[in-house]
């Protein structure tokens, strides 16, 4: 998941770690909501066009119409596979929820207890969420792409 522009306003905040965590939280919320909308759109589009293809063929619709609807089904299937809005939605929702809980724990502390240790724990939570997101993203990319050359550590391809 990419960020459109680097966000550095948190550096000038009275509590920069909290501001950073809230900025990250807002980012994951935007990505989660956008991915959820795109996921629903692609799934409904694939479902509607695939079922319409069957209905059009059953009603003996002109071949060009049936082919056009089938092309739409293929398009939505490709859109689903290329952009992976479903996994992106799940990953952003998981990251958002984990970070939301860490921010809530920090904000529930009385102001005088928000010391360096508490800020360090919040910063560690922000970094863990980022690390986990990156790890899962790499894992998903490795599952969906095939290597173009020899497998690292394996025998050369014939």
N, C-alpha and C. Protein backbone atom coordinates (compact mmCIF):
# COMPACT_ATOMS: atom_id res chain seq x y z
N UNK A 1 0.85 -1.16 0.00
CA UNK A 1 0.00 0.00 0.00
C UNK A 1 0.90 1.22 0.00
N UNK A 2 0.66 2.11 -0.90
CA UNK A 2 1.56 3.25 -1.00
C UNK A 2 0.93 4.51 -0.42
N UNK A 3 1.77 5.36 0.05
CA UNK A 3 1.33 6.66 0.55
C UNK A 3 1.56 7.67 -0.57
N UNK A 4 0.59 8.53 -0.80
CA UNK A 4 0.69 9.50 -1.91
C UNK A 4 1.80 10.53 -1.67
N UNK A 5 1.85 11.09 -0.50
CA UNK A 5 2.88 12.07 -0.17
C UNK A 5 3.42 11.77 1.21
N UNK A 6 4.68 12.02 1.42
CA UNK A 6 5.23 11.81 2.76
C UNK A 6 4.58 12.78 3.75
N UNK A 7 4.26 12.28 4.90
CA UNK A 7 3.60 13.08 5.92
C UNK A 7 4.62 13.38 7.01
N UNK A 8 4.95 14.66 7.19
CA UNK A 8 5.94 15.03 8.20
C UNK A 8 5.42 16.05 9.20
N UNK A 9 4.16 16.42 9.14
CA UNK A 9 3.62 17.40 10.09
C UNK A 9 3.68 16.90 11.53
N UNK A 10 3.75 15.59 11.71
CA UNK A 10 3.79 15.04 13.06
C UNK A 10 5.05 15.47 13.81
N UNK A 11 6.10 15.85 13.07
CA UNK A 11 7.34 16.26 13.72
C UNK A 11 7.18 17.53 14.56
N UNK A 12 6.24 18.39 14.16
CA UNK A 12 6.04 19.66 14.86
C UNK A 12 4.95 19.59 15.91
N UNK A 13 4.44 18.42 16.17
CA UNK A 13 3.37 18.25 17.14
C UNK A 13 3.93 18.23 18.56
N UNK A 14 3.10 18.62 19.54
CA UNK A 14 3.54 18.53 20.94
C UNK A 14 3.84 17.09 21.36
N UNK A 15 3.13 16.13 20.78
CA UNK A 15 3.38 14.71 21.05
C UNK A 15 3.59 14.03 19.69
N UNK A 16 4.82 14.10 19.16
CA UNK A 16 5.06 13.61 17.80
C UNK A 16 4.75 12.12 17.59
N UNK A 17 4.97 11.30 18.60
CA UNK A 17 4.71 9.87 18.44
C UNK A 17 3.21 9.63 18.29
N UNK A 18 2.40 10.29 19.08
CA UNK A 18 0.95 10.17 18.96
C UNK A 18 0.47 10.71 17.62
N UNK A 19 1.03 11.83 17.20
CA UNK A 19 0.64 12.41 15.90
C UNK A 19 1.02 11.47 14.76
N UNK A 20 2.19 10.85 14.84
CA UNK A 20 2.61 9.88 13.83
C UNK A 20 1.65 8.69 13.80
N UNK A 21 1.34 8.16 14.97
CA UNK A 21 0.42 7.02 15.04
C UNK A 21 -0.95 7.38 14.48
N UNK A 22 -1.44 8.58 14.77
CA UNK A 22 -2.74 9.00 14.26
C UNK A 22 -2.70 9.19 12.75
N UNK A 23 -1.59 9.69 12.22
CA UNK A 23 -1.44 9.83 10.77
C UNK A 23 -1.45 8.46 10.10
N UNK A 24 -0.73 7.51 10.69
CA UNK A 24 -0.73 6.14 10.16
C UNK A 24 -2.12 5.52 10.25
N UNK A 25 -2.80 5.78 11.33
CA UNK A 25 -4.16 5.28 11.52
C UNK A 25 -5.09 5.83 10.44
N UNK A 26 -4.98 7.12 10.16
CA UNK A 26 -5.80 7.74 9.11
C UNK A 26 -5.48 7.15 7.75
N UNK A 27 -4.20 6.88 7.49
CA UNK A 27 -3.80 6.27 6.22
C UNK A 27 -4.44 4.89 6.06
N UNK A 28 -4.32 4.06 7.08
CA UNK A 28 -4.89 2.71 7.00
C UNK A 28 -6.41 2.75 6.87
N UNK A 29 -7.04 3.73 7.48
CA UNK A 29 -8.49 3.87 7.36
C UNK A 29 -8.87 4.21 5.92
N UNK A 30 -8.13 5.13 5.30
CA UNK A 30 -8.42 5.49 3.89
C UNK A 30 -8.22 4.28 2.97
N UNK A 31 -7.12 3.58 3.16
CA UNK A 31 -6.83 2.41 2.31
C UNK A 31 -7.87 1.32 2.53
N UNK A 32 -8.22 1.09 3.78
CA UNK A 32 -9.22 0.07 4.10
C UNK A 32 -10.55 0.39 3.44
N UNK A 33 -11.01 1.62 3.57
CA UNK A 33 -12.30 2.00 3.01
C UNK A 33 -12.29 1.96 1.48
N UNK A 34 -11.23 2.45 0.88
CA UNK A 34 -11.12 2.41 -0.58
C UNK A 34 -11.06 0.98 -1.09
N UNK A 35 -10.24 0.16 -0.45
CA UNK A 35 -10.11 -1.24 -0.87
C UNK A 35 -11.41 -1.99 -0.70
N UNK A 36 -12.15 -1.70 0.37
CA UNK A 36 -13.44 -2.36 0.58
C UNK A 36 -14.41 -2.00 -0.56
N UNK A 37 -14.45 -0.73 -0.94
CA UNK A 37 -15.34 -0.32 -2.04
C UNK A 37 -14.95 -1.00 -3.35
N UNK A 38 -13.65 -0.98 -3.67
CA UNK A 38 -13.19 -1.61 -4.90
C UNK A 38 -13.42 -3.12 -4.88
N UNK A 39 -13.22 -3.74 -3.72
CA UNK A 39 -13.45 -5.18 -3.57
C UNK A 39 -14.92 -5.50 -3.88
N UNK A 40 -15.82 -4.75 -3.29
CA UNK A 40 -17.24 -4.99 -3.53
C UNK A 40 -17.60 -4.76 -4.99
N UNK A 41 -17.05 -3.71 -5.57
CA UNK A 41 -17.35 -3.42 -6.97
C UNK A 41 -16.87 -4.54 -7.89
N UNK A 42 -15.64 -5.00 -7.70
CA UNK A 42 -15.12 -6.05 -8.58
C UNK A 42 -15.85 -7.38 -8.36
N UNK A 43 -16.18 -7.69 -7.12
CA UNK A 43 -16.89 -8.94 -6.86
C UNK A 43 -18.30 -8.91 -7.44
N UNK A 44 -19.01 -7.80 -7.23
CA UNK A 44 -20.36 -7.69 -7.79
C UNK A 44 -20.32 -7.64 -9.30
N UNK A 45 -19.33 -6.96 -9.86
CA UNK A 45 -19.19 -6.91 -11.32
C UNK A 45 -18.94 -8.29 -11.91
N UNK A 46 -18.05 -9.04 -11.27
CA UNK A 46 -17.75 -10.40 -11.75
C UNK A 46 -18.98 -11.29 -11.63
N UNK A 47 -19.67 -11.19 -10.52
CA UNK A 47 -20.87 -12.00 -10.31
C UNK A 47 -21.97 -11.64 -11.32
N UNK A 48 -22.20 -10.35 -11.50
CA UNK A 48 -23.27 -9.91 -12.41
C UNK A 48 -22.96 -10.29 -13.86
N UNK A 49 -21.73 -10.08 -14.30
CA UNK A 49 -21.42 -10.39 -15.70
C UNK A 49 -21.35 -11.89 -15.94
N UNK A 50 -20.83 -12.65 -14.99
CA UNK A 50 -20.78 -14.11 -15.17
C UNK A 50 -22.18 -14.70 -15.23
N UNK A 51 -23.06 -14.27 -14.33
CA UNK A 51 -24.42 -14.81 -14.36
C UNK A 51 -25.19 -14.30 -15.57
N UNK A 52 -24.93 -13.09 -16.01
CA UNK A 52 -25.60 -12.55 -17.19
C UNK A 52 -25.17 -13.29 -18.46
N UNK A 53 -23.94 -13.77 -18.48
CA UNK A 53 -23.48 -14.55 -19.63
C UNK A 53 -24.30 -15.82 -19.78
N UNK A 54 -24.54 -16.48 -18.68
CA UNK A 54 -25.33 -17.72 -18.71
C UNK A 54 -26.76 -17.43 -19.14
N UNK A 55 -27.33 -16.37 -18.59
CA UNK A 55 -28.71 -16.01 -18.95
C UNK A 55 -28.79 -15.63 -20.43
N UNK A 56 -27.83 -14.84 -20.91
CA UNK A 56 -27.84 -14.44 -22.33
C UNK A 56 -27.72 -15.65 -23.24
N UNK A 57 -26.87 -16.58 -22.89
CA UNK A 57 -26.72 -17.79 -23.70
C UNK A 57 -27.99 -18.63 -23.65
N UNK A 58 -28.61 -18.70 -22.47
CA UNK A 58 -29.85 -19.47 -22.33
C UNK A 58 -31.02 -18.87 -23.10
N UNK A 59 -31.02 -17.58 -23.26
CA UNK A 59 -32.08 -16.90 -24.00
C UNK A 59 -31.77 -16.77 -25.49
N UNK A 60 -30.71 -17.41 -25.91
CA UNK A 60 -30.28 -17.36 -27.31
C UNK A 60 -30.06 -15.93 -27.79
N UNK A 61 -29.40 -15.14 -26.96
CA UNK A 61 -29.06 -13.77 -27.34
C UNK A 61 -28.03 -13.82 -28.47
N UNK A 62 -27.92 -12.74 -29.22
CA UNK A 62 -26.91 -12.73 -30.29
C UNK A 62 -25.53 -13.05 -29.74
N UNK A 63 -24.74 -13.70 -30.55
CA UNK A 63 -23.41 -14.13 -30.13
C UNK A 63 -22.56 -12.94 -29.68
N UNK A 64 -22.66 -11.81 -30.36
CA UNK A 64 -21.84 -10.65 -30.01
C UNK A 64 -22.19 -10.14 -28.60
N UNK A 65 -23.49 -10.22 -28.23
CA UNK A 65 -23.91 -9.77 -26.91
C UNK A 65 -23.39 -10.71 -25.81
N UNK A 66 -23.53 -11.99 -26.07
CA UNK A 66 -23.04 -12.98 -25.10
C UNK A 66 -21.52 -12.85 -24.94
N UNK A 67 -20.81 -12.66 -26.06
CA UNK A 67 -19.36 -12.49 -26.01
C UNK A 67 -18.98 -11.21 -25.27
N UNK A 68 -19.74 -10.15 -25.47
CA UNK A 68 -19.47 -8.89 -24.79
C UNK A 68 -19.64 -9.03 -23.27
N UNK A 69 -20.70 -9.70 -22.87
CA UNK A 69 -20.93 -9.91 -21.43
C UNK A 69 -19.85 -10.83 -20.84
N UNK A 70 -19.49 -11.87 -21.59
CA UNK A 70 -18.43 -12.78 -21.12
C UNK A 70 -17.10 -12.03 -21.01
N UNK A 71 -16.86 -11.11 -21.93
CA UNK A 71 -15.66 -10.28 -21.86
C UNK A 71 -15.65 -9.43 -20.60
N UNK A 72 -16.83 -8.94 -20.22
CA UNK A 72 -16.94 -8.18 -18.96
C UNK A 72 -16.59 -9.04 -17.76
N UNK A 73 -17.05 -10.29 -17.78
CA UNK A 73 -16.73 -11.21 -16.68
C UNK A 73 -15.23 -11.46 -16.61
N UNK A 74 -14.62 -11.64 -17.76
CA UNK A 74 -13.17 -11.84 -17.81
C UNK A 74 -12.43 -10.59 -17.32
N UNK A 75 -12.92 -9.43 -17.70
CA UNK A 75 -12.33 -8.17 -17.26
C UNK A 75 -12.36 -8.06 -15.73
N UNK A 76 -13.51 -8.32 -15.12
CA UNK A 76 -13.60 -8.21 -13.66
C UNK A 76 -12.74 -9.24 -12.96
N UNK A 77 -12.62 -10.43 -13.54
CA UNK A 77 -11.76 -11.45 -12.97
C UNK A 77 -10.30 -10.99 -13.02
N UNK A 78 -9.90 -10.41 -14.14
CA UNK A 78 -8.54 -9.89 -14.26
C UNK A 78 -8.29 -8.74 -13.31
N UNK A 79 -9.28 -7.86 -13.18
CA UNK A 79 -9.17 -6.74 -12.26
C UNK A 79 -8.96 -7.23 -10.83
N UNK A 80 -9.69 -8.25 -10.48
CA UNK A 80 -9.58 -8.85 -9.14
C UNK A 80 -8.17 -9.40 -8.91
N UNK A 81 -7.65 -10.10 -9.92
CA UNK A 81 -6.34 -10.72 -9.76
C UNK A 81 -5.19 -9.72 -9.79
N UNK A 82 -5.29 -8.72 -10.65
CA UNK A 82 -4.20 -7.77 -10.79
C UNK A 82 -4.08 -6.86 -9.57
N UNK A 83 -5.20 -6.32 -9.11
CA UNK A 83 -5.14 -5.34 -8.04
C UNK A 83 -5.35 -5.93 -6.66
N UNK A 84 -5.94 -7.10 -6.54
CA UNK A 84 -6.09 -7.78 -5.25
C UNK A 84 -6.71 -6.93 -4.17
N UNK A 85 -7.85 -6.31 -4.46
CA UNK A 85 -8.49 -5.45 -3.48
C UNK A 85 -8.95 -6.21 -2.24
N UNK A 86 -9.31 -7.47 -2.38
CA UNK A 86 -9.74 -8.26 -1.23
C UNK A 86 -8.62 -8.42 -0.20
N UNK A 87 -7.46 -8.95 -0.61
CA UNK A 87 -6.36 -9.07 0.35
C UNK A 87 -5.89 -7.71 0.88
N UNK A 88 -5.92 -6.70 0.02
CA UNK A 88 -5.51 -5.37 0.47
C UNK A 88 -6.47 -4.84 1.53
N UNK A 89 -7.75 -5.10 1.34
CA UNK A 89 -8.76 -4.69 2.32
C UNK A 89 -8.50 -5.36 3.67
N UNK A 90 -8.26 -6.67 3.63
CA UNK A 90 -8.02 -7.41 4.87
C UNK A 90 -6.74 -6.92 5.56
N UNK A 91 -5.70 -6.71 4.79
CA UNK A 91 -4.43 -6.26 5.36
C UNK A 91 -4.56 -4.86 5.98
N UNK A 92 -5.23 -3.94 5.29
CA UNK A 92 -5.41 -2.59 5.83
C UNK A 92 -6.31 -2.61 7.06
N UNK A 93 -7.34 -3.44 7.05
CA UNK A 93 -8.23 -3.52 8.21
C UNK A 93 -7.49 -4.08 9.42
N UNK A 94 -6.67 -5.07 9.19
CA UNK A 94 -5.88 -5.65 10.28
C UNK A 94 -4.88 -4.63 10.83
N UNK A 95 -4.20 -3.93 9.95
CA UNK A 95 -3.23 -2.91 10.38
C UNK A 95 -3.94 -1.79 11.13
N UNK A 96 -5.07 -1.35 10.62
CA UNK A 96 -5.83 -0.27 11.25
C UNK A 96 -6.27 -0.68 12.65
N UNK A 97 -6.79 -1.87 12.79
CA UNK A 97 -7.30 -2.32 14.09
C UNK A 97 -6.17 -2.46 15.12
N UNK A 98 -5.06 -3.02 14.71
CA UNK A 98 -3.92 -3.17 15.61
C UNK A 98 -3.42 -1.81 16.07
N UNK A 99 -3.29 -0.89 15.14
CA UNK A 99 -2.80 0.44 15.47
C UNK A 99 -3.83 1.23 16.29
N UNK A 100 -5.10 1.07 15.99
CA UNK A 100 -6.15 1.75 16.75
C UNK A 100 -6.10 1.35 18.22
N UNK A 101 -5.89 0.07 18.47
CA UNK A 101 -5.81 -0.41 19.85
C UNK A 101 -4.60 0.17 20.58
N UNK A 102 -3.47 0.25 19.88
CA UNK A 102 -2.26 0.81 20.51
C UNK A 102 -2.45 2.29 20.82
N UNK A 103 -3.07 3.02 19.90
CA UNK A 103 -3.33 4.45 20.13
C UNK A 103 -4.29 4.62 21.30
N UNK A 104 -5.32 3.79 21.35
CA UNK A 104 -6.28 3.88 22.46
C UNK A 104 -5.61 3.61 23.81
N UNK A 105 -4.74 2.59 23.85
CA UNK A 105 -4.03 2.30 25.10
C UNK A 105 -3.19 3.51 25.54
N UNK A 106 -2.53 4.13 24.58
CA UNK A 106 -1.69 5.29 24.88
C UNK A 106 -2.54 6.47 25.34
N UNK A 107 -3.64 6.72 24.66
CA UNK A 107 -4.48 7.88 24.99
C UNK A 107 -5.22 7.69 26.32
N UNK A 108 -5.40 6.45 26.74
CA UNK A 108 -6.05 6.20 28.02
C UNK A 108 -5.14 6.46 29.21
N UNK A 109 -3.85 6.55 28.94
CA UNK A 109 -2.91 6.88 30.02
C UNK A 109 -3.12 8.33 30.44
N UNK A 110 -3.05 8.61 31.73
CA UNK A 110 -3.09 10.01 32.17
C UNK A 110 -1.90 10.77 31.54
N UNK A 111 -2.09 12.04 31.28
CA UNK A 111 -1.06 12.84 30.60
C UNK A 111 0.30 12.74 31.28
N UNK A 112 0.33 12.69 32.60
CA UNK A 112 1.61 12.64 33.31
C UNK A 112 2.29 11.28 33.21
N UNK A 113 1.57 10.26 32.75
CA UNK A 113 2.17 8.92 32.57
C UNK A 113 2.60 8.66 31.13
N UNK A 114 2.39 9.61 30.26
CA UNK A 114 2.84 9.47 28.87
C UNK A 114 4.30 9.88 28.77
N UNK A 115 5.12 9.05 29.37
CA UNK A 115 6.55 9.32 29.41
C UNK A 115 7.26 8.66 28.23
N UNK A 116 8.58 8.66 28.27
CA UNK A 116 9.38 8.08 27.19
C UNK A 116 9.09 6.60 27.00
N UNK A 117 8.86 5.89 28.09
CA UNK A 117 8.56 4.46 27.98
C UNK A 117 7.25 4.24 27.23
N UNK A 118 6.21 5.01 27.56
CA UNK A 118 4.91 4.88 26.91
C UNK A 118 5.02 5.29 25.44
N UNK A 119 5.77 6.36 25.16
CA UNK A 119 5.97 6.79 23.77
C UNK A 119 6.74 5.72 22.99
N UNK A 120 7.72 5.12 23.66
CA UNK A 120 8.49 4.05 23.02
C UNK A 120 7.62 2.85 22.68
N UNK A 121 6.70 2.51 23.55
CA UNK A 121 5.78 1.39 23.29
C UNK A 121 4.87 1.71 22.11
N UNK A 122 4.37 2.95 22.05
CA UNK A 122 3.51 3.34 20.93
C UNK A 122 4.29 3.34 19.63
N UNK A 123 5.50 3.88 19.64
CA UNK A 123 6.33 3.88 18.45
C UNK A 123 6.65 2.45 18.01
N UNK A 124 6.91 1.57 18.96
CA UNK A 124 7.18 0.17 18.64
C UNK A 124 5.94 -0.47 18.00
N UNK A 125 4.76 -0.11 18.47
CA UNK A 125 3.53 -0.65 17.88
C UNK A 125 3.37 -0.16 16.44
N UNK A 126 3.66 1.12 16.19
CA UNK A 126 3.58 1.67 14.83
C UNK A 126 4.55 0.92 13.93
N UNK A 127 5.76 0.69 14.41
CA UNK A 127 6.76 -0.01 13.61
C UNK A 127 6.40 -1.48 13.39
N UNK A 128 5.83 -2.13 14.41
CA UNK A 128 5.40 -3.53 14.24
C UNK A 128 4.31 -3.65 13.18
N UNK A 129 3.36 -2.71 13.20
CA UNK A 129 2.29 -2.73 12.20
C UNK A 129 2.88 -2.56 10.80
N UNK A 130 3.81 -1.62 10.66
CA UNK A 130 4.45 -1.42 9.36
C UNK A 130 5.24 -2.64 8.91
N UNK A 131 5.98 -3.25 9.84
CA UNK A 131 6.75 -4.44 9.51
C UNK A 131 5.84 -5.60 9.11
N UNK A 132 4.76 -5.78 9.86
CA UNK A 132 3.83 -6.87 9.56
C UNK A 132 3.14 -6.65 8.22
N UNK A 133 2.77 -5.41 7.95
CA UNK A 133 2.14 -5.09 6.66
C UNK A 133 3.11 -5.42 5.52
N UNK A 134 4.34 -5.01 5.65
CA UNK A 134 5.34 -5.27 4.62
C UNK A 134 5.57 -6.77 4.46
N UNK A 135 5.67 -7.49 5.57
CA UNK A 135 5.90 -8.93 5.50
C UNK A 135 4.76 -9.64 4.78
N UNK A 136 3.52 -9.28 5.14
CA UNK A 136 2.37 -9.91 4.50
C UNK A 136 2.27 -9.53 3.02
N UNK A 137 2.58 -8.29 2.71
CA UNK A 137 2.52 -7.86 1.32
C UNK A 137 3.53 -8.63 0.48
N UNK A 138 4.75 -8.77 0.99
CA UNK A 138 5.79 -9.53 0.27
C UNK A 138 5.36 -10.99 0.11
N UNK A 139 4.80 -11.54 1.17
CA UNK A 139 4.33 -12.93 1.12
C UNK A 139 3.25 -13.10 0.06
N UNK A 140 2.30 -12.18 0.00
CA UNK A 140 1.23 -12.25 -1.00
C UNK A 140 1.80 -12.10 -2.40
N UNK A 141 2.74 -11.19 -2.59
CA UNK A 141 3.35 -10.98 -3.91
C UNK A 141 4.10 -12.22 -4.34
N UNK A 142 4.79 -12.87 -3.42
CA UNK A 142 5.55 -14.07 -3.77
C UNK A 142 4.62 -15.22 -4.13
N UNK A 143 3.43 -15.26 -3.54
CA UNK A 143 2.48 -16.33 -3.85
C UNK A 143 1.83 -16.13 -5.22
N UNK A 144 1.69 -14.89 -5.65
CA UNK A 144 0.97 -14.62 -6.90
C UNK A 144 1.88 -14.46 -8.10
N UNK A 145 3.19 -14.31 -7.89
CA UNK A 145 4.09 -14.14 -9.03
C UNK A 145 4.98 -15.36 -9.18
N UNK A 146 5.30 -15.65 -10.41
CA UNK A 146 6.20 -16.78 -10.66
C UNK A 146 7.58 -16.23 -10.99
N UNK A 147 8.61 -16.91 -10.54
CA UNK A 147 9.97 -16.42 -10.81
C UNK A 147 10.28 -16.50 -12.30
N UNK A 148 11.03 -15.53 -12.78
CA UNK A 148 11.41 -15.51 -14.19
C UNK A 148 12.72 -16.23 -14.43
N UNK A 149 13.44 -16.49 -13.42
CA UNK A 149 14.73 -17.14 -13.56
C UNK A 149 14.82 -18.32 -12.63
N UNK A 150 16.04 -18.76 -12.35
CA UNK A 150 16.20 -19.87 -11.43
C UNK A 150 15.70 -19.52 -10.04
N UNK A 151 15.18 -20.51 -9.37
CA UNK A 151 14.71 -20.31 -8.00
C UNK A 151 15.93 -20.14 -7.11
N UNK A 152 15.96 -19.09 -6.27
CA UNK A 152 17.13 -18.89 -5.41
C UNK A 152 17.39 -20.13 -4.56
N UNK A 153 18.61 -20.60 -4.61
CA UNK A 153 19.01 -21.75 -3.82
C UNK A 153 18.59 -23.09 -4.43
N UNK A 154 17.88 -23.04 -5.54
CA UNK A 154 17.43 -24.28 -6.16
C UNK A 154 18.21 -24.57 -7.42
N UNK A 155 17.94 -25.71 -8.03
CA UNK A 155 18.64 -26.06 -9.26
C UNK A 155 18.23 -25.14 -10.40
N UNK A 156 19.08 -24.93 -11.38
CA UNK A 156 18.73 -24.08 -12.52
C UNK A 156 17.58 -24.71 -13.31
N UNK A 157 16.75 -23.86 -13.87
CA UNK A 157 15.64 -24.34 -14.69
C UNK A 157 16.15 -24.86 -16.02
N UNK A 158 15.53 -25.94 -16.55
CA UNK A 158 16.01 -26.51 -17.81
C UNK A 158 15.79 -25.58 -18.97
